[in-house]
Amino acid sequence: MIIIVALIFILRAMTRMDNTATAEKPKDNAPYPVATDREISSRVLLGSEGRVVIEHGGQRYLLRQTHAGKLILTSKRPAERGARQVSSSS
């Protein structure tokens, strides 16, 4: 009987520790910035042209700044070429 009570106590403690660890870890798809997120200035990203082509998952996207200072991300069709390619240095 004492062994069963001890096992129940240990299992409950482990469950509480597991829940605490899960609650503290931010999700990768969190809609808000977390301390571990990399940060880059839009001026650096967009350059003097105010636009940049981003390749992601085999698709190309255009990120550009509007006259009002907002950012717009649109999908580029494969026929749209001629954009200057910049290699990332990590």
Protein backbone atom coordinates (compact mmCIF):
# COMPACT_ATOMS: atom_id res chain seq x y z
CA MET A 1 0.00 0.00 0.00
CA ILE A 2 2.83 2.41 0.84
CA ILE A 3 4.47 1.70 -2.53
CA ILE A 4 1.26 2.54 -4.40
CA VAL A 5 0.86 5.82 -2.52
CA ALA A 6 4.51 6.68 -3.21
CA LEU A 7 4.06 5.93 -6.93
CA ILE A 8 0.95 8.11 -7.08
CA PHE A 9 2.85 10.95 -5.38
CA ILE A 10 5.78 10.62 -7.81
CA LEU A 11 3.52 10.47 -10.88
CA ARG A 12 1.58 13.57 -9.77
CA ALA A 13 4.83 15.47 -9.20
CA MET A 14 6.13 14.44 -12.63
CA THR A 15 2.87 15.53 -14.27
CA ARG A 16 3.07 18.95 -12.60
CA MET A 17 6.69 19.39 -13.74
CA ASP A 18 5.79 18.34 -17.28
CA ASN A 19 2.86 20.79 -17.41
CA THR A 20 5.06 23.62 -16.12
CA ALA A 21 7.72 22.99 -18.76
CA THR A 22 5.08 22.92 -21.49
CA ALA A 23 3.47 26.15 -20.31
CA GLU A 24 6.79 28.06 -20.21
CA LYS A 25 7.95 27.06 -23.70
CA PRO A 26 6.62 29.47 -26.37
CA LYS A 27 5.15 27.93 -29.51
CA ASP A 28 7.05 28.35 -32.77
CA ASN A 29 3.97 29.86 -34.40
CA ALA A 30 3.27 32.36 -31.61
CA PRO A 31 1.70 35.53 -33.11
CA TYR A 32 3.84 37.78 -30.91
CA PRO A 33 7.63 38.21 -30.66
CA VAL A 34 9.55 36.20 -28.11
CA ALA A 35 13.02 36.90 -26.72
CA THR A 36 14.69 34.32 -28.98
CA ASP A 37 13.33 35.79 -32.25
CA ARG A 38 15.87 37.35 -34.59
CA GLU A 39 15.20 41.00 -35.40
CA ILE A 40 16.13 42.90 -38.55
CA SER A 41 15.38 46.49 -39.51
CA SER A 42 13.02 46.88 -42.45
CA ARG A 43 15.47 49.43 -43.92
CA VAL A 44 18.18 46.77 -43.97
CA LEU A 45 15.83 44.12 -45.35
CA LEU A 46 14.17 46.24 -48.04
CA GLY A 47 17.19 48.31 -49.02
CA SER A 48 17.00 51.67 -50.75
CA GLU A 49 14.49 50.27 -53.27
CA GLY A 50 11.94 49.59 -50.53
CA ARG A 51 11.36 46.05 -51.77
CA VAL A 52 12.92 42.61 -51.65
CA VAL A 53 12.18 39.22 -53.21
CA ILE A 54 12.07 36.39 -50.67
CA GLU A 55 12.40 32.73 -51.68
CA HIS A 56 10.56 30.36 -49.35
CA GLY A 57 9.74 26.72 -49.97
CA GLY A 58 10.42 26.98 -53.69
CA GLN A 59 8.09 29.98 -54.04
CA ARG A 60 9.05 33.63 -54.57
CA TYR A 61 7.42 36.48 -52.69
CA LEU A 62 7.74 40.24 -52.99
CA LEU A 63 7.89 42.20 -49.74
CA ARG A 64 7.50 45.91 -50.37
CA GLN A 65 6.81 49.09 -48.48
CA THR A 66 3.83 51.23 -49.52
CA HIS A 67 3.82 55.03 -49.71
CA ALA A 68 2.02 54.99 -46.34
CA GLY A 69 4.89 53.01 -44.79
CA LYS A 70 3.00 49.70 -44.54
CA LEU A 71 4.47 46.36 -45.61
CA ILE A 72 2.81 44.15 -48.22
CA LEU A 73 3.86 40.57 -49.01
CA THR A 74 2.65 39.17 -52.33
CA SER A 75 3.36 35.98 -54.23
CA LYS A 76 5.42 36.40 -57.40
CA ARG A 77 4.67 34.48 -60.55
CA PRO A 78 7.59 32.43 -61.95
CA ALA A 79 7.76 34.65 -65.07
CA GLU A 80 8.66 37.68 -62.95
CA ARG A 81 12.46 37.73 -63.09
CA GLY A 82 15.14 40.35 -63.12
CA ALA A 83 15.30 40.91 -59.39
CA ARG A 84 18.74 41.29 -57.92
CA GLN A 85 19.68 38.23 -55.86
CA VAL A 86 21.38 38.76 -52.50
CA SER A 87 22.94 35.87 -50.64
CA SER A 88 22.33 35.65 -46.92
CA SER A 89 25.34 35.63 -44.65
CA SER A 90 24.60 33.78 -41.43
